[in-house]
Amino acid sequence: MAELQRSDKASRTKDKYAFSVKKYILPGIGSVRIGETTPGVVDHFIRNVVDAAGPATARTCGAVLSSMFKIALRHDAASINPVLGISIPRTRAAKPQALDREQFLDLRTKLIAWEQGSMLGRTRSQELHHIADVLITTGLRPGELFALSWADVDLDSDPPTVHVHATVIRTSTGGVTIQDHPKSEHGFRYVTVPPNLAMSLRRRQLRQSSSATANPLDLVFPSSTGTVCDPNNVGKTWRKAADDIGYSWVTFKTFRKANATLIARTMGAETAAYQAGHSKVSMTRKHYVEEYKEAIDTRAVLGAFDAANGGPGAPGKTGLQI
């Protein structure tokens, strides 16, 4: 744990690993001596975690245990790393499902109507449809959006851009805070802002400048009290709204999938991966780009094989006749 805290891993990763040690590793395998920890012992432990908490948690525990035994090897306390070779089942990823244009416009209309309603005499959040607009148009992660300050938004450039270089995280020690770097090194990027969104952001900036609510960090989307927005809290509000308007299957990540799907189909998967801040195009294709739901009209291209167009079977051509 001391080496983990000294490492350059992200704060959320450190918290996640520490939780795995406390919740699963110490109760399940903590009493076993290092020299008695065989691959069979580790495999039995991992299977129990899979049954109790699922493959994703088991994979985290496996990563933590592997790091532990690398330290043991370095100090001659073990001769092998018993975690190597252990097979941990992967969770089968669901196929990406993205919003199309008609669905988004319908969702947005219903969302605005929901926001204008009341909840136990209190006014509901008026921010959700603005958040949805930015997420589906830019493909940002919620944490990246809530970390944006107006200094990161250049509405006067051509085209207007947003500079993504930070994200909001929650740690066990510091609460909700802005991390000075995004999820990965590929998260550093510039994202263009379409005209309609640029106009919306200008109006938002003007409203904030005339508002009495403090915004000391000059955030684009501060909390109602002017502090950093907690993505988890906003997500809870979103889930309530999505259920009420009949779009319970839509999450904040669905907007990123819609963004990636449209860009991939018009500009290619590499562009979609850059927009999303992914390191691998394959990950964008697998987890974010929705499969085509109908046949792609390829007749103009495949007509090259038509004998009537001068193919092998055309008059005056030699070749196989069908």
Foldseek 3Di string as FASTA:
>chain_A
DVVLVVDPDDQVLSQLLVCLCVPQVCVQPVVPAPARDALVSLLVSLVVCCVVPRLVSSVSNLVSLQVVVVVCVVVVVYDDSSSPPRDGDDDDADFFDADDPVRLVLLLVLLCVVQCDADPNHRHDNCVSLLLVCCLQQLEDPQQQLLFAVVQWAVPDVQTKGFGAWGWDAHPPPGIDIGRGDPDPLRGDITGDDPVNSVVLVVQLVVVVPDPADQPRRHSDDPPNNHGDDPVVVQVSVCVSCVVSVNNVDGSNSSSLNNLQVCCVPPNLVVSCSSNSHPDSVCCNGHRHHDDPDDDPCCVPVCVCPLCVVHQQHPPHHDDDD
